[in-house]
C-alpha atoms as a PDB file:
ATOM      1  CA  UNK A   1      35.809 -91.078 -17.255  1.00  0.00           C
ATOM      2  CA  UNK A   2      32.786 -89.221 -18.743  1.00  0.00           C
ATOM      3  CA  UNK A   3      29.770 -91.448 -19.352  1.00  0.00           C
ATOM      4  CA  UNK A   4      29.185 -89.904 -22.779  1.00  0.00           C
ATOM      5  CA  UNK A   5      32.665 -91.032 -23.813  1.00  0.00           C
ATOM      6  CA  UNK A   6      31.930 -94.654 -22.911  1.00  0.00           C
ATOM      7  CA  UNK A   7      28.545 -94.685 -24.634  1.00  0.00           C
ATOM      8  CA  UNK A   8      29.859 -92.932 -27.738  1.00  0.00           C
ATOM      9  CA  UNK A   9      32.908 -95.172 -27.937  1.00  0.00           C
ATOM     10  CA  UNK A  10      30.741 -98.303 -27.602  1.00  0.00           C
ATOM     11  CA  UNK A  11      28.427 -97.225 -30.440  1.00  0.00           C
ATOM     12  CA  UNK A  12      31.372 -96.230 -32.622  1.00  0.00           C
ATOM     13  CA  UNK A  13      33.243 -99.487 -31.982  1.00  0.00           C
ATOM     14  CA  UNK A  14      30.227-101.518 -33.127  1.00  0.00           C
ATOM     15  CA  UNK A  15      30.154 -99.861 -36.538  1.00  0.00           C
ATOM     16  CA  UNK A  16      33.941 -99.786 -36.932  1.00  0.00           C
ATOM     17  CA  UNK A  17      34.040-103.508 -36.090  1.00  0.00           C
ATOM     18  CA  UNK A  18      31.259-104.205 -38.609  1.00  0.00           C
ATOM     19  CA  UNK A  19      33.173-102.269 -41.277  1.00  0.00           C
ATOM     20  CA  UNK A  20      36.420-104.118 -40.479  1.00  0.00           C
ATOM     21  CA  UNK A  21      34.666-107.506 -40.491  1.00  0.00           C
ATOM     22  CA  UNK A  22      33.135-106.780 -43.905  1.00  0.00           C
ATOM     23  CA  UNK A  23      36.622-106.953 -45.469  1.00  0.00           C
ATOM     24  CA  UNK A  24      36.788-110.686 -44.744  1.00  0.00           C
ATOM     25  CA  UNK A  25      33.174-111.821 -44.204  1.00  0.00           C
ATOM     26  CA  UNK A  26      29.560-110.838 -44.757  1.00  0.00           C
ATOM     27  CA  UNK A  27      26.515-113.092 -44.275  1.00  0.00           C
ATOM     28  CA  UNK A  28      25.734-112.866 -48.001  1.00  0.00           C
ATOM     29  CA  UNK A  29      27.450-111.325 -51.043  1.00  0.00           C
ATOM     30  CA  UNK A  30      26.384-107.679 -51.249  1.00  0.00           C
ATOM     31  CA  UNK A  31      25.761-108.019 -54.984  1.00  0.00           C
ATOM     32  CA  UNK A  32      23.857-111.304 -54.640  1.00  0.00           C
ATOM     33  CA  UNK A  33      20.270-110.687 -55.761  1.00  0.00           C
ATOM     34  CA  UNK A  34      17.450-113.074 -54.853  1.00  0.00           C
ATOM     35  CA  UNK A  35      14.252-111.708 -56.375  1.00  0.00           C
ATOM     36  CA  UNK A  36      11.923-114.347 -54.831  1.00  0.00           C
ATOM     37  CA  UNK A  37      13.195-113.242 -51.381  1.00  0.00           C
ATOM     38  CA  UNK A  38      12.716-109.519 -51.972  1.00  0.00           C
ATOM     39  CA  UNK A  39      11.396-107.245 -49.189  1.00  0.00           C
ATOM     40  CA  UNK A  40      11.459-109.982 -46.567  1.00  0.00           C
ATOM     41  CA  UNK A  41      11.171-108.780 -42.955  1.00  0.00           C
ATOM     42  CA  UNK A  42      13.921-109.619 -40.432  1.00  0.00           C
ATOM     43  CA  UNK A  43      14.267-113.375 -39.901  1.00  0.00           C
ATOM     44  CA  UNK A  44      16.832-115.976 -38.861  1.00  0.00           C
ATOM     45  CA  UNK A  45      18.035-116.256 -42.457  1.00  0.00           C
ATOM     46  CA  UNK A  46      18.218-112.471 -42.888  1.00  0.00           C
ATOM     47  CA  UNK A  47      18.514-110.778 -39.435  1.00  0.00           C
ATOM     48  CA  UNK A  48      17.774-107.323 -40.892  1.00  0.00           C
ATOM     49  CA  UNK A  49      15.619-108.460 -43.801  1.00  0.00           C
ATOM     50  CA  UNK A  50      16.143-108.009 -47.528  1.00  0.00           C
ATOM     51  CA  UNK A  51      15.760-105.090 -49.929  1.00  0.00           C
ATOM     52  CA  UNK A  52      13.815-104.745 -53.186  1.00  0.00           C
ATOM     53  CA  UNK A  53      16.397-106.865 -55.028  1.00  0.00           C
ATOM     54  CA  UNK A  54      16.477-109.574 -52.376  1.00  0.00           C
ATOM     55  CA  UNK A  55      19.898-108.498 -51.114  1.00  0.00           C
ATOM     56  CA  UNK A  56      20.738-109.063 -47.452  1.00  0.00           C
ATOM     57  CA  UNK A  57      20.450-105.722 -45.632  1.00  0.00           C
ATOM     58  CA  UNK A  58      22.865-106.720 -42.842  1.00  0.00           C
ATOM     59  CA  UNK A  59      25.601-107.404 -45.397  1.00  0.00           C
ATOM     60  CA  UNK A  60      24.922-104.076 -47.107  1.00  0.00           C
ATOM     61  CA  UNK A  61      24.968-102.205 -43.781  1.00  0.00           C
ATOM     62  CA  UNK A  62      28.357-103.743 -42.968  1.00  0.00           C
ATOM     63  CA  UNK A  63      29.905-102.783 -46.315  1.00  0.00           C
ATOM     64  CA  UNK A  64      28.112 -99.420 -46.251  1.00  0.00           C
ATOM     65  CA  UNK A  65      29.762 -98.711 -42.891  1.00  0.00           C
ATOM     66  CA  UNK A  66      33.112 -99.297 -44.558  1.00  0.00           C
ATOM     67  CA  UNK A  67      32.243 -96.814 -47.297  1.00  0.00           C
ATOM     68  CA  UNK A  68      30.993 -94.138 -44.894  1.00  0.00           C
ATOM     69  CA  UNK A  69      33.961 -94.465 -42.532  1.00  0.00           C
ATOM     70  CA  UNK A  70      36.495 -94.378 -45.377  1.00  0.00           C
ATOM     71  CA  UNK A  71      34.956 -91.286 -46.988  1.00  0.00           C
ATOM     72  CA  UNK A  72      34.587 -89.400 -43.688  1.00  0.00           C
ATOM     73  CA  UNK A  73      38.061 -90.347 -42.436  1.00  0.00           C
ATOM     74  CA  UNK A  74      39.819 -89.273 -45.621  1.00  0.00           C
ATOM     75  CA  UNK A  75      37.787 -86.057 -45.787  1.00  0.00           C
ATOM     76  CA  UNK A  76      38.726 -85.165 -42.193  1.00  0.00           C
ATOM     77  CA  UNK A  77      42.342 -86.014 -43.026  1.00  0.00           C
ATOM     78  CA  UNK A  78      42.282 -83.555 -45.928  1.00  0.00           C
ATOM     79  CA  UNK A  79      40.799 -80.875 -43.689  1.00  0.00           C
ATOM     80  CA  UNK A  80      43.452 -81.404 -41.007  1.00  0.00           C
ATOM     81  CA  UNK A  81      46.464 -81.732 -43.301  1.00  0.00           C
ATOM     82  CA  UNK A  82      45.617 -78.539 -45.173  1.00  0.00           C
ATOM     83  CA  UNK A  83      43.689 -76.524 -42.580  1.00  0.00           C
ATOM     84  CA  UNK A  84      45.974 -76.893 -39.537  1.00  0.00           C
ATOM     85  CA  UNK A  85      49.124 -75.508 -41.223  1.00  0.00           C
ATOM     86  CA  UNK A  86      47.068 -72.661 -42.688  1.00  0.00           C
ATOM     87  CA  UNK A  87      45.692 -71.824 -39.243  1.00  0.00           C
ATOM     88  CA  UNK A  88      49.155 -71.898 -37.692  1.00  0.00           C
ATOM     89  CA  UNK A  89      50.533 -69.668 -40.443  1.00  0.00           C
ATOM     90  CA  UNK A  90      47.655 -67.194 -40.090  1.00  0.00           C
ATOM     91  CA  UNK A  91      48.133 -66.959 -36.304  1.00  0.00           C
ATOM     92  CA  UNK A  92      51.881 -66.446 -36.681  1.00  0.00           C
ATOM     93  CA  UNK A  93      51.240 -63.566 -39.085  1.00  0.00           C
ATOM     94  CA  UNK A  94      48.220 -62.069 -37.324  1.00  0.00           C
ATOM     95  CA  UNK A  95      47.001 -58.914 -39.047  1.00  0.00           C
ATOM     96  CA  UNK A  96      49.396 -59.391 -41.945  1.00  0.00           C
ATOM     97  CA  UNK A  97      48.796 -60.031 -45.608  1.00  0.00           C
ATOM     98  CA  UNK A  98      49.048 -63.834 -45.255  1.00  0.00           C
ATOM     99  CA  UNK A  99      46.533 -63.873 -42.399  1.00  0.00           C
ATOM    100  CA  UNK A 100      44.100 -61.780 -44.410  1.00  0.00           C
ATOM    101  CA  UNK A 101      44.401 -63.991 -47.505  1.00  0.00           C
ATOM    102  CA  UNK A 102      43.873 -67.215 -45.531  1.00  0.00           C
ATOM    103  CA  UNK A 103      40.852 -65.884 -43.630  1.00  0.00           C
ATOM    104  CA  UNK A 104      39.167 -64.472 -46.727  1.00  0.00           C
ATOM    105  CA  UNK A 105      39.744 -67.763 -48.561  1.00  0.00           C
ATOM    106  CA  UNK A 106      38.114 -69.544 -45.616  1.00  0.00           C
ATOM    107  CA  UNK A 107      35.126 -67.213 -45.847  1.00  0.00           C
ATOM    108  CA  UNK A 108      34.842 -67.997 -49.555  1.00  0.00           C
ATOM    109  CA  UNK A 109      34.794 -71.763 -48.941  1.00  0.00           C
ATOM    110  CA  UNK A 110      32.257 -71.372 -46.123  1.00  0.00           C
ATOM    111  CA  UNK A 111      29.951 -69.620 -48.588  1.00  0.00           C
ATOM    112  CA  UNK A 112      29.564 -72.902 -50.508  1.00  0.00           C
ATOM    113  CA  UNK A 113      28.207 -75.912 -48.580  1.00  0.00           C
ATOM    114  CA  UNK A 114      29.730 -79.349 -49.212  1.00  0.00           C
ATOM    115  CA  UNK A 115      26.839 -80.411 -51.416  1.00  0.00           C
ATOM    116  CA  UNK A 116      27.301 -77.364 -53.678  1.00  0.00           C
ATOM    117  CA  UNK A 117      31.021 -78.114 -53.961  1.00  0.00           C
ATOM    118  CA  UNK A 118      30.138 -81.738 -54.743  1.00  0.00           C
ATOM    119  CA  UNK A 119      27.758 -80.647 -57.495  1.00  0.00           C
ATOM    120  CA  UNK A 120      30.477 -78.462 -59.045  1.00  0.00           C
ATOM    121  CA  UNK A 121      33.027 -81.287 -58.901  1.00  0.00           C
ATOM    122  CA  UNK A 122      30.501 -83.821 -60.222  1.00  0.00           C
ATOM    123  CA  UNK A 123      29.628 -81.586 -63.139  1.00  0.00           C
ATOM    124  CA  UNK A 124      33.272 -81.697 -64.235  1.00  0.00           C
ATOM    125  CA  UNK A 125      34.514 -85.131 -63.147  1.00  0.00           C
ATOM    126  CA  UNK A 126      31.361 -87.182 -62.545  1.00  0.00           C
ATOM    127  CA  UNK A 127      29.832 -88.660 -59.386  1.00  0.00           C
ATOM    128  CA  UNK A 128      32.025 -90.965 -57.276  1.00  0.00           C
ATOM    129  CA  UNK A 129      33.162 -91.619 -53.718  1.00  0.00           C
ATOM    130  CA  UNK A 130      36.491 -89.921 -54.504  1.00  0.00           C
ATOM    131  CA  UNK A 131      34.744 -86.710 -55.529  1.00  0.00           C
ATOM    132  CA  UNK A 132      32.618 -86.873 -52.356  1.00  0.00           C
ATOM    133  CA  UNK A 133      35.832 -87.129 -50.320  1.00  0.00           C
ATOM    134  CA  UNK A 134      37.265 -84.079 -52.095  1.00  0.00           C
ATOM    135  CA  UNK A 135      34.069 -82.048 -51.608  1.00  0.00           C
ATOM    136  CA  UNK A 136      33.735 -82.843 -47.902  1.00  0.00           C
ATOM    137  CA  UNK A 137      37.487 -82.411 -47.407  1.00  0.00           C
ATOM    138  CA  UNK A 138      37.465 -78.940 -48.974  1.00  0.00           C
ATOM    139  CA  UNK A 139      34.632 -77.923 -46.656  1.00  0.00           C
ATOM    140  CA  UNK A 140      36.626 -79.207 -43.644  1.00  0.00           C
ATOM    141  CA  UNK A 141      39.684 -77.069 -44.431  1.00  0.00           C
ATOM    142  CA  UNK A 142      38.327 -73.733 -43.110  1.00  0.00           C
ATOM    143  CA  UNK A 143      36.886 -75.478 -40.041  1.00  0.00           C
ATOM    144  CA  UNK A 144      40.310 -76.661 -38.925  1.00  0.00           C
ATOM    145  CA  UNK A 145      42.050 -73.492 -40.113  1.00  0.00           C
ATOM    146  CA  UNK A 146      39.792 -71.250 -38.026  1.00  0.00           C
ATOM    147  CA  UNK A 147      39.960 -73.523 -34.983  1.00  0.00           C
ATOM    148  CA  UNK A 148      43.758 -73.732 -35.143  1.00  0.00           C
ATOM    149  CA  UNK A 149      44.144 -69.998 -35.648  1.00  0.00           C
ATOM    150  CA  UNK A 150      41.840 -69.198 -32.721  1.00  0.00           C
ATOM    151  CA  UNK A 151      43.643 -71.583 -30.393  1.00  0.00           C
ATOM    152  CA  UNK A 152      47.075 -70.402 -31.537  1.00  0.00           C
ATOM    153  CA  UNK A 153      46.312 -66.699 -31.115  1.00  0.00           C
ATOM    154  CA  UNK A 154      45.606 -67.216 -27.424  1.00  0.00           C
ATOM    155  CA  UNK A 155      49.039 -68.816 -27.026  1.00  0.00           C
ATOM    156  CA  UNK A 156      51.267 -66.398 -28.902  1.00  0.00           C
ATOM    157  CA  UNK A 157      51.269 -63.914 -25.990  1.00  0.00           C
ATOM    158  CA  UNK A 158      52.033 -66.531 -23.352  1.00  0.00           C
ATOM    159  CA  UNK A 159      55.318 -66.357 -21.465  1.00  0.00           C
ATOM    160  CA  UNK A 160      56.757 -69.615 -22.783  1.00  0.00           C
ATOM    161  CA  UNK A 161      56.180 -68.450 -26.374  1.00  0.00           C
ATOM    162  CA  UNK A 162      57.859 -65.121 -25.656  1.00  0.00           C
ATOM    163  CA  UNK A 163      60.786 -67.036 -24.151  1.00  0.00           C
ATOM    164  CA  UNK A 164      61.063 -69.143 -27.295  1.00  0.00           C
ATOM    165  CA  UNK A 165      61.091 -65.996 -29.432  1.00  0.00           C
ATOM    166  CA  UNK A 166      63.803 -64.448 -27.273  1.00  0.00           C
ATOM    167  CA  UNK A 167      65.798 -67.671 -27.695  1.00  0.00           C
ATOM    168  CA  UNK A 168      65.827 -67.009 -31.432  1.00  0.00           C
ATOM    169  CA  UNK A 169      63.368 -69.630 -32.618  1.00  0.00           C
ATOM    170  CA  UNK A 170      61.569 -68.883 -35.871  1.00  0.00           C
ATOM    171  CA  UNK A 171      57.803 -68.569 -36.081  1.00  0.00           C
ATOM    172  CA  UNK A 172      57.623 -71.858 -37.996  1.00  0.00           C
ATOM    173  CA  UNK A 173      59.598 -73.711 -35.348  1.00  0.00           C
ATOM    174  CA  UNK A 174      57.564 -72.177 -32.511  1.00  0.00           C
ATOM    175  CA  UNK A 175      54.343 -73.184 -34.263  1.00  0.00           C
ATOM    176  CA  UNK A 176      55.528 -76.766 -34.706  1.00  0.00           C
ATOM    177  CA  UNK A 177      57.185 -77.279 -31.313  1.00  0.00           C
ATOM    178  CA  UNK A 178      55.030 -75.202 -28.957  1.00  0.00           C
ATOM    179  CA  UNK A 179      51.754 -74.080 -30.541  1.00  0.00           C
ATOM    180  CA  UNK A 180      50.652 -77.301 -32.262  1.00  0.00           C
ATOM    181  CA  UNK A 181      51.032 -79.575 -29.184  1.00  0.00           C
ATOM    182  CA  UNK A 182      48.986 -77.128 -27.129  1.00  0.00           C
ATOM    183  CA  UNK A 183      46.084 -77.011 -29.595  1.00  0.00           C
ATOM    184  CA  UNK A 184      46.137 -80.766 -30.259  1.00  0.00           C
ATOM    185  CA  UNK A 185      43.311 -81.369 -27.757  1.00  0.00           C
ATOM    186  CA  UNK A 186      41.061 -78.956 -29.641  1.00  0.00           C
ATOM    187  CA  UNK A 187      41.899 -80.640 -32.926  1.00  0.00           C
ATOM    188  CA  UNK A 188      41.175 -84.128 -31.578  1.00  0.00           C
ATOM    189  CA  UNK A 189      37.745 -83.137 -30.310  1.00  0.00           C
ATOM    190  CA  UNK A 190      36.877 -81.211 -33.470  1.00  0.00           C
ATOM    191  CA  UNK A 191      38.191 -84.061 -35.609  1.00  0.00           C
ATOM    192  CA  UNK A 192      35.754 -86.447 -33.916  1.00  0.00           C
ATOM    193  CA  UNK A 193      32.860 -84.074 -34.522  1.00  0.00           C
ATOM    194  CA  UNK A 194      33.843 -83.473 -38.153  1.00  0.00           C
ATOM    195  CA  UNK A 195      34.137 -87.232 -38.609  1.00  0.00           C
ATOM    196  CA  UNK A 196      30.489 -87.635 -37.593  1.00  0.00           C
ATOM    197  CA  UNK A 197      29.486 -84.759 -39.868  1.00  0.00           C
ATOM    198  CA  UNK A 198      31.497 -86.377 -42.658  1.00  0.00           C
ATOM    199  CA  UNK A 199      29.475 -89.590 -42.333  1.00  0.00           C
ATOM    200  CA  UNK A 200      26.272 -87.545 -42.426  1.00  0.00           C
ATOM    201  CA  UNK A 201      27.508 -85.574 -45.447  1.00  0.00           C
ATOM    202  CA  UNK A 202      28.509 -88.771 -47.284  1.00  0.00           C
ATOM    203  CA  UNK A 203      25.057 -90.217 -46.681  1.00  0.00           C
ATOM    204  CA  UNK A 204      23.469 -87.012 -47.953  1.00  0.00           C
ATOM    205  CA  UNK A 205      25.607 -86.907 -51.082  1.00  0.00           C
ATOM    206  CA  UNK A 206      24.926 -90.583 -51.803  1.00  0.00           C
ATOM    207  CA  UNK A 207      21.216 -89.994 -51.259  1.00  0.00           C
ATOM    208  CA  UNK A 208      21.148 -87.470 -54.118  1.00  0.00           C
ATOM    209  CA  UNK A 209      23.427 -89.617 -56.282  1.00  0.00           C
ATOM    210  CA  UNK A 210      26.687 -87.693 -55.818  1.00  0.00           C
ATOM    211  CA  UNK A 211      28.523 -90.163 -53.562  1.00  0.00           C
ATOM    212  CA  UNK A 212      29.553 -93.793 -53.920  1.00  0.00           C
ATOM    213  CA  UNK A 213      28.116 -95.368 -57.066  1.00  0.00           C
ATOM    214  CA  UNK A 214      26.625 -98.845 -57.589  1.00  0.00           C
ATOM    215  CA  UNK A 215      27.499-101.602 -56.959  1.00  0.00           C
ATOM    216  CA  UNK A 216      29.274-100.158 -53.860  1.00  0.00           C
ATOM    217  CA  UNK A 217      26.729-100.116 -50.987  1.00  0.00           C
ATOM    218  CA  UNK A 218      26.110 -96.798 -49.256  1.00  0.00           C
ATOM    219  CA  UNK A 219      23.729 -95.956 -46.427  1.00  0.00           C
ATOM    220  CA  UNK A 220      22.524 -92.825 -48.188  1.00  0.00           C
ATOM    221  CA  UNK A 221      21.729 -94.633 -51.420  1.00  0.00           C
ATOM    222  CA  UNK A 222      20.000 -97.415 -49.467  1.00  0.00           C
ATOM    223  CA  UNK A 223      17.690 -94.730 -48.073  1.00  0.00           C
ATOM    224  CA  UNK A 224      17.123 -93.266 -51.534  1.00  0.00           C
ATOM    225  CA  UNK A 225      16.258 -96.690 -52.976  1.00  0.00           C
ATOM    226  CA  UNK A 226      13.870 -97.431 -50.103  1.00  0.00           C
ATOM    227  CA  UNK A 227      11.914 -94.161 -50.082  1.00  0.00           C
ATOM    228  CA  UNK A 228       9.226 -95.481 -52.442  1.00  0.00           C
ATOM    229  CA  UNK A 229       8.784 -98.724 -50.482  1.00  0.00           C
ATOM    230  CA  UNK A 230       8.328 -97.420 -46.934  1.00  0.00           C
ATOM    231  CA  UNK A 231       4.661 -98.467 -46.851  1.00  0.00           C
ATOM    232  CA  UNK A 232       5.443-101.974 -48.161  1.00  0.00           C
ATOM    233  CA  UNK A 233       8.581-102.735 -46.154  1.00  0.00           C
ATOM    234  CA  UNK A 234       9.438-100.061 -43.537  1.00  0.00           C
ATOM    235  CA  UNK A 235      12.560-101.916 -42.409  1.00  0.00           C
ATOM    236  CA  UNK A 236      14.257-101.223 -45.748  1.00  0.00           C
ATOM    237  CA  UNK A 237      14.397 -97.507 -44.917  1.00  0.00           C
ATOM    238  CA  UNK A 238      14.399 -97.737 -41.131  1.00  0.00           C
ATOM    239  CA  UNK A 239      17.554 -99.828 -40.768  1.00  0.00           C
ATOM    240  CA  UNK A 240      19.999 -97.680 -42.800  1.00  0.00           C
ATOM    241  CA  UNK A 241      18.441 -94.590 -41.204  1.00  0.00           C
ATOM    242  CA  UNK A 242      19.093 -96.004 -37.740  1.00  0.00           C
ATOM    243  CA  UNK A 243      22.646 -96.912 -38.750  1.00  0.00           C
ATOM    244  CA  UNK A 244      23.329 -93.281 -39.726  1.00  0.00           C
ATOM    245  CA  UNK A 245      21.662 -91.882 -36.592  1.00  0.00           C
ATOM    246  CA  UNK A 246      23.429 -94.225 -34.166  1.00  0.00           C
ATOM    247  CA  UNK A 247      26.841 -93.759 -35.767  1.00  0.00           C
ATOM    248  CA  UNK A 248      26.586 -89.957 -35.791  1.00  0.00           C
ATOM    249  CA  UNK A 249      25.193 -89.993 -32.251  1.00  0.00           C
ATOM    250  CA  UNK A 250      28.018 -92.223 -31.041  1.00  0.00           C
ATOM    251  CA  UNK A 251      30.717 -90.042 -32.553  1.00  0.00           C
ATOM    252  CA  UNK A 252      29.148 -86.845 -31.192  1.00  0.00           C
ATOM    253  CA  UNK A 253      28.890 -88.360 -27.712  1.00  0.00           C
ATOM    254  CA  UNK A 254      32.506 -89.458 -27.971  1.00  0.00           C
ATOM    255  CA  UNK A 255      33.515 -85.947 -29.021  1.00  0.00           C
ATOM    256  CA  UNK A 256      31.681 -84.452 -26.035  1.00  0.00           C
ATOM    257  CA  UNK A 257      33.329 -86.999 -23.747  1.00  0.00           C
ATOM    258  CA  UNK A 258      36.775 -86.243 -25.138  1.00  0.00           C
ATOM    259  CA  UNK A 259      36.165 -82.525 -24.626  1.00  0.00           C
ATOM    260  CA  UNK A 260      35.235 -83.124 -20.998  1.00  0.00           C
ATOM    261  CA  UNK A 261      38.256 -85.380 -20.536  1.00  0.00           C
ATOM    262  CA  UNK A 262      40.863 -83.236 -22.273  1.00  0.00           C
ATOM    263  CA  UNK A 263      39.729 -79.692 -21.440  1.00  0.00           C
ATOM    264  CA  UNK A 264      40.993 -78.740 -17.969  1.00  0.00           C
ATOM    265  CA  UNK A 265      38.486 -75.875 -17.712  1.00  0.00           C
ATOM    266  CA  UNK A 266      35.569 -78.271 -18.178  1.00  0.00           C
ATOM    267  CA  UNK A 267      37.049 -80.755 -15.720  1.00  0.00           C
ATOM    268  CA  UNK A 268      37.485 -78.006 -13.128  1.00  0.00           C
ATOM    269  CA  UNK A 269      33.896 -76.774 -13.613  1.00  0.00           C
ATOM    270  CA  UNK A 270      32.520 -80.280 -13.075  1.00  0.00           C
ATOM    271  CA  UNK A 271      34.514 -80.937  -9.886  1.00  0.00           C
END
C-alpha cells in the first residue's frame, strides 16, 4: 500500500470526521458571540482560540469543513455526471460532428476560470454556496469530459471492443459495458484531485464574498475576516489557512496513492 495513500487518507479522515461530528456537536454554537473573549489565543476553554467576535474557532473550523466538503463534493458530482457521458459520446464519434461540438464547448468553458463563472452567476442570481457549487461544477465538466474521451479513445481499437462491435452491440452499450469500467480508475483518481481543487476553489470564492454567506461558516471567509488582524492575533488567520492546506494536501496525497495503487503501469515501474 503506497505511503502517500495512508498519509492522505489519515489527513482526509480527520476533516471528514470533524465535518460529520459538527452535525450533532460543536464545542460552542458557531453563531455564539462573546465580545469580552474576542481574539483570545488557544486555551483549554478554546483550543484554537476565538475570533474578532469572540466565536470559538474550533467550532467554526468544524462547520466550515462541512461547508467546504459539501460544496466540493457536489461540484465534482456535477462534473462527473455531465462530463463523463459527454466524453464517452465524443470518443464513440471520434472526428464526427458530435465530437467536434463537445470538444469546442469544452475549450469555451476552459477559457473562463471558475471564479469568472462565479462572478457571472453572482451578477444574475446573487452570491451563495449553491452558486459556488454551480460555478465549480461547470468548470469540472470539461476536465472529466477530456479525461474520459482520452481514456476511451485508447480502448476503442482494442480487440475486445472490436469483438463487441462484431457481436452487434451499439456504441452506447459498448461505452456503458466495456469502456466506462476500464476508465473508472482514471476517473476515481481525477475525482480525488478535483475534490481537493474544489475545496480550494470554494475557499477562494468565499474569500472574495462569492461563496457561502453569513452566518454559515466558511474557511475562505474566515481568512478574509482575519486579514486585518494578523498582527494582533495571528492564530485567527493561521488556523483556517492550515485547515485548507492540510485538507488539500491530504486529498492530493490520497489521489497520488490511488494512482499508484490502481495504475498497473505505475505498479510495474515501482517493482
